Amino acid sequence: MALTMIRLTFVSALAAVVAAQNATECSVEGTKTIGSQEEADSLAAACPTFTGSVTLGNFIPYHGITFNGIKEITGSLTTQDWDSVTADSLERIGGTFENHDSYTVTMDFPKLSYVGGISFTESNAMRPGLQHILFPSLTTVNGDLTIIGNHYLSEVNMPNLKSVNGLFRLAESFGVFGLDLDKLETASPGGLDFRGSFWNGIHLASIQSVHPNFKIVAYSTGNCSEWDALRADGGALATTEQYSCEGNCANIYSGRCSGQRPTTSTRSATPTATMTPSSDATWTAVPTLRPSSSSNDDGECDPECQDYRRVWLMIKLVAGIGGSVAVLVIVLGVLWCRRRRVEHRRTDRQAAEGVDGDGRMAAVSGDGTSGCGDDKSGISDLLPPYEGHAR
């Protein structure tokens, strides 16, 4: 009986130690940085819930990282430069999910349903960064959802997203050909701000409340006729404070259309009494509504403009390298001339002092010059005289 009690006491103590160790490993006051797949596996195996924030950093080039097993992170999640980031069990991120100026190509979170906010931004147009955002189970973003400047982004998969409790902004991502957000109901306070190509359309079949802004600027039609219709009394966008929809843009600069592609009609951003269907079931021509200057636009550039930027950057790069090479050549040339001049003067001194080792009069070799031009003029004048000799 006593032996049994001792065993039970030992097992209980061991379990308490393990629990305490797991509690320490699964909780931090600040941010825990994970720098390898082994560390990710260890944390996920020990902690179904992690209290604190996590950074997936110290990446290995051209490698992905999987964060499987963990279900909840109470703080924020930041990813840095891993080629791909996958978390097949993660369902909830209490804070903001961040990825900034990185080489990450794919974000694959099949079970993620709630996140406190999303901020995926890229400031370098030349970096082939984020291309695929795969959040098929995401329903709620309890803050801003910001995706800006990811020029190579081609896929945004959030088919079950229902609410964004902030601003939903997707801009400067011209590779995104379509947005399937048919279950999105609310984007408030903040609204919707979509700028890009969207050739396959923008789908918002369930939209009910967007405040205070609704803005679409697109190379395609932007589905503007649908949103114009929702501005009527009783429509889902009737109470939206600031509304603007511009489609068929020839270019997009600073968040606005710059010129129009040829179309059969031109719409107004806000329906008016003069905006009536014509006989061919298209809208009659009326002026296009421009967004107000208080719309807080971010500067952006269309694909053609980006090409010019890249060419200009290459020109500056080549010019910088060429200038550095030219300076290096000049420096080496000066050093070479200095050496030739010193050798020439040494030969002159030996000829003036007597004969060589064979008893013959020493002579100046060559044509009597250093090979760097006239010894009394030109670049040699810029060099200090050889010690013991005057110019």
Protein backbone atom coordinates (compact mmCIF):
# COMPACT_ATOMS: atom_id res chain seq x y z
CA MET A 1 0.00 0.00 0.00
CA ALA A 2 2.80 2.37 0.92
CA LEU A 3 4.63 1.54 -2.32
CA THR A 4 1.49 2.33 -4.31
CA MET A 5 1.12 5.69 -2.58
CA ILE A 6 4.75 6.51 -3.32
CA ARG A 7 4.26 5.68 -7.00
CA LEU A 8 1.12 7.81 -7.23
CA THR A 9 2.88 10.70 -5.54
CA PHE A 10 5.81 10.41 -7.97
CA VAL A 11 3.52 10.30 -11.01
CA SER A 12 1.59 13.32 -9.76
CA ALA A 13 4.78 15.25 -9.13
CA LEU A 14 6.13 14.35 -12.57
CA ALA A 15 2.87 15.43 -14.21
CA ALA A 16 3.02 18.72 -12.32
CA VAL A 17 6.60 19.32 -13.50
CA VAL A 18 5.68 18.56 -17.12
CA ALA A 19 2.61 20.81 -16.89
CA ALA A 20 4.68 23.63 -15.44
CA GLN A 21 7.30 23.20 -18.15
CA ASN A 22 4.65 23.24 -20.89
CA ALA A 23 3.03 26.30 -19.33
CA THR A 24 6.37 28.12 -19.48
CA GLU A 25 7.05 27.00 -23.02
CA CYS A 26 3.53 27.92 -24.18
CA SER A 27 3.44 31.44 -22.80
CA VAL A 28 5.56 34.58 -23.18
CA GLU A 29 4.94 38.20 -22.28
CA GLY A 30 6.41 39.50 -25.52
CA THR A 31 7.22 37.63 -28.73
CA LYS A 32 8.66 34.17 -29.25
CA THR A 33 10.86 33.85 -32.34
CA ILE A 34 10.99 30.53 -34.14
CA GLY A 35 14.00 30.10 -36.39
CA SER A 36 13.81 26.52 -37.66
CA GLN A 37 11.41 23.74 -38.56
CA GLU A 38 12.52 21.80 -35.46
CA GLU A 39 11.57 24.70 -33.18
CA ALA A 40 8.21 25.04 -34.92
CA ASP A 41 7.49 21.32 -34.51
CA SER A 42 8.48 21.39 -30.84
CA LEU A 43 6.27 24.35 -30.00
CA ALA A 44 3.27 23.06 -31.95
CA ALA A 45 3.52 19.60 -30.33
CA ALA A 46 3.63 21.04 -26.82
CA CYS A 47 1.21 23.94 -27.18
CA PRO A 48 -2.24 23.62 -28.76
CA THR A 49 -2.71 27.20 -27.51
CA PHE A 50 0.14 29.70 -27.33
CA THR A 51 -0.29 32.74 -25.10
CA GLY A 52 1.67 35.60 -26.61
CA SER A 53 2.97 36.53 -30.04
CA VAL A 54 5.01 34.44 -32.46
CA THR A 55 7.51 35.43 -35.16
CA LEU A 56 8.56 32.90 -37.77
CA GLY A 57 11.96 34.38 -38.54
CA ASN A 58 15.60 33.47 -39.25
CA PHE A 59 14.52 31.91 -42.51
CA ILE A 60 16.46 29.44 -44.65
CA PRO A 61 16.52 30.63 -48.31
CA TYR A 62 14.21 28.73 -50.65
CA HIS A 63 12.69 26.71 -47.81
CA GLY A 64 9.18 26.67 -46.42
CA ILE A 65 8.05 26.16 -42.84
CA THR A 66 5.04 24.26 -41.50
CA PHE A 67 3.43 25.17 -38.21
CA ASN A 68 1.17 22.18 -37.79
CA GLY A 69 -0.54 21.18 -34.55
CA ILE A 70 -1.06 24.55 -32.88
CA LYS A 71 -4.68 25.75 -32.85
CA GLU A 72 -4.58 29.22 -31.34
CA ILE A 73 -2.15 32.11 -30.91
CA THR A 74 -3.55 34.73 -28.55
CA GLY A 75 -1.22 37.47 -29.77
CA SER A 76 0.02 38.36 -33.24
CA LEU A 77 1.76 36.23 -35.85
CA THR A 78 4.58 37.63 -37.99
CA THR A 79 6.23 35.76 -40.86
CA GLN A 80 9.57 36.70 -42.39
CA ASP A 81 10.91 35.55 -45.74
CA TRP A 82 10.17 31.82 -45.58
CA ASP A 83 9.31 30.72 -49.12
CA SER A 84 6.00 29.29 -47.91
CA VAL A 85 4.21 29.25 -44.56
CA THR A 86 1.66 26.52 -43.81
CA ALA A 87 -0.37 25.91 -40.63
CA ASP A 88 -2.90 23.13 -41.13
CA SER A 89 -4.42 23.31 -37.62
CA LEU A 90 -4.30 26.99 -36.71
CA GLU A 91 -7.85 28.31 -36.26
CA ARG A 92 -7.45 31.58 -34.41
CA ILE A 93 -4.97 34.48 -34.22
CA GLY A 94 -5.97 37.01 -31.58
CA GLY A 95 -3.75 39.81 -32.84
CA THR A 96 -2.59 40.93 -36.27
CA PHE A 97 -1.21 38.56 -38.90
CA GLU A 98 1.72 40.44 -40.46
CA ASN A 99 4.03 39.95 -43.43
CA HIS A 100 6.05 42.96 -44.58
CA ASP A 101 8.69 43.32 -47.31
CA SER A 102 9.48 39.62 -47.45
CA TYR A 103 10.17 36.90 -49.99
CA THR A 104 7.29 34.71 -48.79
CA VAL A 105 5.39 33.39 -51.81
CA THR A 106 2.54 31.34 -50.31
CA MET A 107 0.40 31.66 -47.17
CA ASP A 108 -1.66 28.49 -46.68
CA PHE A 109 -3.87 28.40 -43.57
CA PRO A 110 -6.76 26.03 -44.40
CA LYS A 111 -8.50 26.18 -40.98
CA LEU A 112 -7.91 29.79 -39.96
CA SER A 113 -11.34 31.26 -39.18
CA TYR A 114 -10.62 34.31 -36.99
CA VAL A 115 -7.84 36.88 -36.98
CA GLY A 116 -7.54 40.22 -35.20
CA GLY A 117 -6.23 41.92 -38.33
CA ILE A 118 -4.19 41.28 -41.47
CA SER A 119 -1.37 43.44 -42.82
CA PHE A 120 0.51 42.14 -45.87
CA THR A 121 2.51 44.97 -47.45
CA GLU A 122 5.40 45.26 -49.90
CA SER A 123 7.35 48.47 -50.61
CA ASN A 124 9.78 47.04 -53.21
CA ALA A 125 8.17 46.69 -56.63
CA MET A 126 11.08 44.53 -57.82
CA ARG A 127 10.76 41.88 -55.11
CA PRO A 128 8.89 38.72 -56.23
CA GLY A 129 7.12 38.35 -52.90
CA LEU A 130 3.66 37.23 -51.88
CA GLN A 131 1.70 35.51 -54.66
CA HIS A 132 -0.87 33.22 -53.01
CA ILE A 133 -3.07 33.96 -49.97
CA LEU A 134 -5.09 30.85 -49.13
CA PHE A 135 -7.54 31.31 -46.23
CA PRO A 136 -10.54 29.20 -47.31
CA SER A 137 -12.10 29.02 -43.81
CA LEU A 138 -11.61 32.64 -42.75
CA THR A 139 -14.89 34.22 -41.62
CA THR A 140 -13.94 37.15 -39.38
CA VAL A 141 -11.25 39.83 -39.44
CA ASN A 142 -11.71 41.88 -36.27
CA GLY A 143 -9.79 44.88 -37.59
CA ASP A 144 -8.22 46.13 -40.81
CA LEU A 145 -7.47 43.78 -43.69
CA THR A 146 -4.70 45.44 -45.66
CA ILE A 147 -2.96 43.98 -48.71
CA ILE A 148 -0.85 46.64 -50.46
CA GLY A 149 2.00 46.64 -52.95
CA ASN A 150 2.30 42.91 -53.57
CA HIS A 151 2.84 43.32 -57.31
CA TYR A 152 3.17 39.60 -58.00
CA LEU A 153 0.08 38.61 -56.00
CA SER A 154 -2.26 36.53 -58.17
CA GLU A 155 -4.56 34.66 -55.77
CA VAL A 156 -6.62 35.83 -52.81
CA ASN A 157 -8.78 32.96 -51.58
CA MET A 158 -11.23 33.98 -48.84
CA PRO A 159 -14.57 32.59 -50.07
CA ASN A 160 -16.15 32.37 -46.58
CA LEU A 161 -15.19 35.80 -45.28
CA LYS A 162 -18.27 37.40 -43.66
CA SER A 163 -17.11 40.47 -41.76
CA VAL A 164 -14.23 42.90 -41.65
CA ASN A 165 -14.47 45.14 -38.61
CA GLY A 166 -12.27 47.80 -40.15
CA LEU A 167 -10.97 48.79 -43.58
CA PHE A 168 -10.59 46.13 -46.27
CA ARG A 169 -7.99 47.53 -48.67
CA LEU A 170 -6.48 45.67 -51.63
CA ALA A 171 -4.28 47.95 -53.74
CA GLU A 172 -1.25 47.90 -56.04
CA SER A 173 -1.71 44.18 -56.63
CA PHE A 174 -2.40 44.18 -60.34
CA GLY A 175 -2.03 40.42 -60.77
CA VAL A 176 -5.25 39.75 -58.84
CA PHE A 177 -7.69 39.07 -61.66
CA GLY A 178 -10.77 38.42 -59.53
CA LEU A 179 -12.21 38.62 -56.02
CA ASP A 180 -14.73 36.03 -54.84
CA LEU A 181 -16.20 37.56 -51.68
CA ASP A 182 -19.79 36.45 -52.12
CA LYS A 183 -20.28 35.83 -48.37
CA LEU A 184 -18.91 39.18 -47.22
CA GLU A 185 -21.68 41.08 -45.42
CA THR A 186 -20.03 43.96 -43.57
CA ALA A 187 -16.91 46.13 -43.83
CA SER A 188 -17.20 48.75 -41.12
CA PRO A 189 -15.89 51.03 -39.73
CA GLY A 190 -13.54 51.57 -42.63
CA GLY A 191 -15.21 50.16 -45.71
CA LEU A 192 -13.87 48.71 -48.95
CA ASP A 193 -11.03 50.04 -51.08
CA PHE A 194 -10.12 47.90 -54.11
CA ARG A 195 -7.70 49.10 -56.80
CA GLY A 196 -6.33 46.89 -59.56
CA SER A 197 -7.21 44.94 -62.67
CA PHE A 198 -9.99 42.51 -61.55
CA TRP A 199 -10.59 41.22 -65.08
CA ASN A 200 -12.62 38.31 -63.69
CA GLY A 201 -14.84 40.58 -61.64
CA ILE A 202 -15.47 41.55 -58.04
CA HIS A 203 -18.18 39.43 -56.41
CA LEU A 204 -20.01 40.78 -53.36
CA ALA A 205 -23.35 38.98 -53.53
CA SER A 206 -24.11 39.26 -49.78
CA ILE A 207 -22.86 42.76 -49.03
CA GLN A 208 -25.12 44.61 -46.59
CA SER A 209 -23.17 47.31 -44.79
CA VAL A 210 -20.11 49.30 -45.93
CA HIS A 211 -19.09 52.41 -43.96
CA PRO A 212 -17.87 55.01 -44.48
CA ASN A 213 -16.08 54.31 -47.79
CA PHE A 214 -16.77 52.21 -50.85
CA LYS A 215 -14.15 52.67 -53.53
CA ILE A 216 -13.28 50.62 -56.60
CA VAL A 217 -10.78 51.66 -59.28
CA ALA A 218 -10.25 49.02 -61.95
CA TYR A 219 -8.86 48.37 -65.41
CA SER A 220 -11.91 46.16 -65.92
CA THR A 221 -15.48 47.38 -65.53
CA GLY A 222 -15.13 46.88 -61.79
CA ASN A 223 -18.74 45.62 -61.81
CA CYS A 224 -19.64 49.26 -61.25
CA SER A 225 -23.15 48.94 -62.68
CA GLU A 226 -24.01 46.50 -59.88
CA TRP A 227 -22.76 48.81 -57.15
CA ASP A 228 -24.39 51.85 -58.75
CA ALA A 229 -27.73 50.04 -58.50
CA LEU A 230 -27.16 49.39 -54.78
CA ARG A 231 -26.95 53.16 -54.21
CA ALA A 232 -30.69 53.50 -54.73
CA ASP A 233 -32.99 53.91 -51.73
CA GLY A 234 -33.14 50.69 -49.77
CA GLY A 235 -29.98 49.35 -51.41
CA ALA A 236 -27.07 47.93 -49.46
CA LEU A 237 -24.89 50.95 -50.30
CA ALA A 238 -27.57 53.61 -49.95
CA THR A 239 -26.16 54.87 -46.65
CA THR A 240 -22.48 54.55 -47.53
CA GLU A 241 -21.03 57.99 -46.87
CA GLN A 242 -18.34 58.13 -49.57
CA TYR A 243 -18.93 56.15 -52.75
CA SER A 244 -16.80 55.95 -55.88
CA CYS A 245 -16.54 53.34 -58.60
CA GLU A 246 -14.36 53.89 -61.66
CA GLY A 247 -13.96 51.19 -64.27
CA ASN A 248 -12.29 50.78 -67.66
CA CYS A 249 -9.32 52.85 -66.52
CA ALA A 250 -6.59 53.36 -69.09
CA ASN A 251 -4.13 53.83 -66.22
CA ILE A 252 -4.30 54.08 -62.46
CA TYR A 253 -2.21 56.73 -60.72
CA SER A 254 -2.41 57.74 -57.05
CA GLY A 255 -5.50 55.64 -56.58
CA ARG A 256 -7.50 57.24 -59.42
CA CYS A 257 -8.34 56.57 -63.03
CA SER A 258 -6.10 58.33 -65.51
CA GLY A 259 -7.99 58.24 -68.77
CA GLN A 260 -10.66 55.80 -69.91
CA ARG A 261 -10.47 52.77 -72.13
CA PRO A 262 -12.80 52.94 -75.16
CA THR A 263 -16.29 51.80 -74.14
CA THR A 264 -19.85 52.15 -75.41
CA SER A 265 -20.86 54.31 -72.48
CA THR A 266 -19.59 56.22 -69.50
CA ARG A 267 -21.24 55.86 -66.11
CA SER A 268 -21.61 58.19 -63.20
CA ALA A 269 -20.28 56.94 -59.88
CA THR A 270 -23.53 58.03 -58.26
CA PRO A 271 -26.89 57.46 -60.01
CA THR A 272 -28.66 60.68 -60.91
CA ALA A 273 -31.92 61.66 -62.56
CA THR A 274 -30.14 61.99 -65.90
CA MET A 275 -28.67 58.49 -65.64
CA THR A 276 -31.16 56.35 -67.53
CA PRO A 277 -30.77 53.22 -69.63
CA SER A 278 -30.55 53.90 -73.34
CA SER A 279 -32.20 51.82 -76.04
CA ASP A 280 -29.26 49.40 -76.16
CA ALA A 281 -29.57 48.75 -72.38
CA THR A 282 -26.40 50.67 -71.54
CA TRP A 283 -26.02 53.80 -69.44
CA THR A 284 -26.08 57.16 -71.14
CA ALA A 285 -22.99 59.33 -70.95
CA VAL A 286 -22.61 61.48 -67.82
CA PRO A 287 -19.52 62.87 -66.05
CA THR A 288 -17.53 60.46 -63.89
CA LEU A 289 -17.48 61.16 -60.17
CA ARG A 290 -13.97 61.64 -58.81
CA PRO A 291 -13.08 60.65 -55.23
CA SER A 292 -12.63 63.50 -52.79
CA SER A 293 -9.16 64.63 -51.74
CA SER A 294 -9.81 63.32 -48.23
CA SER A 295 -9.98 59.71 -49.35
CA ASN A 296 -6.47 59.01 -47.97
CA ASP A 297 -5.18 57.49 -51.22
CA ASP A 298 -1.89 55.66 -51.27
CA GLY A 299 0.42 56.36 -54.19
CA GLU A 300 0.45 53.56 -56.71
CA CYS A 301 1.52 52.88 -60.25
CA ASP A 302 -0.02 50.79 -63.02
CA PRO A 303 1.91 47.96 -64.75
CA GLU A 304 3.18 50.16 -67.58
CA CYS A 305 4.37 52.72 -65.07
CA GLN A 306 6.02 49.96 -63.08
CA ASP A 307 7.92 48.93 -66.21
CA TYR A 308 9.22 52.48 -66.57
CA ARG A 309 10.22 52.45 -62.93
CA ARG A 310 12.13 49.21 -63.36
CA VAL A 311 13.94 50.55 -66.45
CA TRP A 312 14.81 53.74 -64.60
CA LEU A 313 16.10 51.77 -61.62
CA MET A 314 18.23 49.63 -63.94
CA ILE A 315 19.62 52.76 -65.62
CA LYS A 316 20.56 54.21 -62.24
CA LEU A 317 22.10 50.93 -61.18
CA VAL A 318 24.18 50.62 -64.37
CA ALA A 319 25.20 54.27 -64.15
CA GLY A 320 26.30 53.78 -60.55
CA ILE A 321 28.35 50.69 -61.38
CA GLY A 322 29.84 52.38 -64.46
CA GLY A 323 30.82 55.42 -62.43
CA SER A 324 32.49 53.26 -59.79
CA VAL A 325 34.44 51.36 -62.45
CA ALA A 326 35.56 54.62 -64.09
CA VAL A 327 36.85 55.98 -60.76
CA LEU A 328 38.69 52.72 -60.11
CA VAL A 329 40.34 52.84 -63.57
CA ILE A 330 41.44 56.43 -63.02
CA VAL A 331 42.94 55.61 -59.61
CA LEU A 332 44.79 52.57 -60.98
CA GLY A 333 46.04 54.66 -63.91
CA VAL A 334 47.40 57.34 -61.58
CA LEU A 335 49.16 54.74 -59.44
CA TRP A 336 50.66 53.08 -62.53
CA CYS A 337 51.95 56.39 -63.87
CA ARG A 338 53.46 57.24 -60.50
CA ARG A 339 55.33 53.94 -60.43
CA ARG A 340 56.62 54.41 -64.01
CA ARG A 341 57.77 57.93 -63.19
CA VAL A 342 59.70 56.78 -60.10
CA GLU A 343 61.38 53.98 -62.08
CA HIS A 344 62.29 56.39 -64.89
CA ARG A 345 63.90 58.84 -62.48
CA ARG A 346 65.85 56.07 -60.78
CA THR A 347 67.24 55.06 -64.20
CA ASP A 348 68.18 58.69 -64.92
CA ARG A 349 70.03 58.93 -61.60
CA GLN A 350 71.97 55.72 -62.24
CA ALA A 351 73.00 56.98 -65.69
CA ALA A 352 74.16 60.29 -64.20
CA GLU A 353 76.20 58.64 -61.41
CA GLY A 354 78.44 56.37 -63.50
CA VAL A 355 78.70 53.04 -65.27
CA ASP A 356 76.81 49.79 -64.92
CA GLY A 357 78.19 46.49 -63.57
CA ASP A 358 79.91 45.59 -66.87
CA GLY A 359 81.94 48.79 -66.99
CA ARG A 360 79.78 50.39 -69.66
CA MET A 361 78.10 53.75 -69.36
CA ALA A 362 74.57 53.29 -68.10
CA ALA A 363 71.91 54.59 -70.51
CA VAL A 364 68.34 55.57 -70.28
CA SER A 365 66.13 52.88 -71.71
CA GLY A 366 63.41 53.50 -74.21
CA ASP A 367 62.62 56.98 -75.41
CA GLY A 368 63.62 58.73 -72.22
CA THR A 369 60.10 59.18 -70.92
CA SER A 370 58.08 57.46 -68.23
CA GLY A 371 55.29 56.39 -70.58
CA CYS A 372 52.78 58.74 -68.91
CA GLY A 373 53.30 61.74 -71.21
CA ASP A 374 55.71 64.63 -70.95
CA ASP A 375 57.51 64.49 -67.58
CA LYS A 376 57.22 68.28 -67.34
CA SER A 377 53.52 68.55 -68.05
CA GLY A 378 50.25 66.65 -67.93
CA ILE A 379 49.22 64.25 -65.17
CA SER A 380 52.80 63.87 -63.88
CA ASP A 381 52.67 67.48 -62.69
CA LEU A 382 49.92 66.45 -60.29
CA LEU A 383 52.18 63.87 -58.61
CA PRO A 384 54.70 64.70 -55.86
CA PRO A 385 58.34 64.80 -57.08
CA TYR A 386 60.67 61.92 -56.33
CA GLU A 387 62.59 62.59 -53.12
CA GLY A 388 65.92 64.31 -53.78
CA HIS A 389 64.97 65.68 -57.20
CA ALA A 390 63.41 68.96 -58.20
CA ARG A 391 60.94 69.25 -61.03
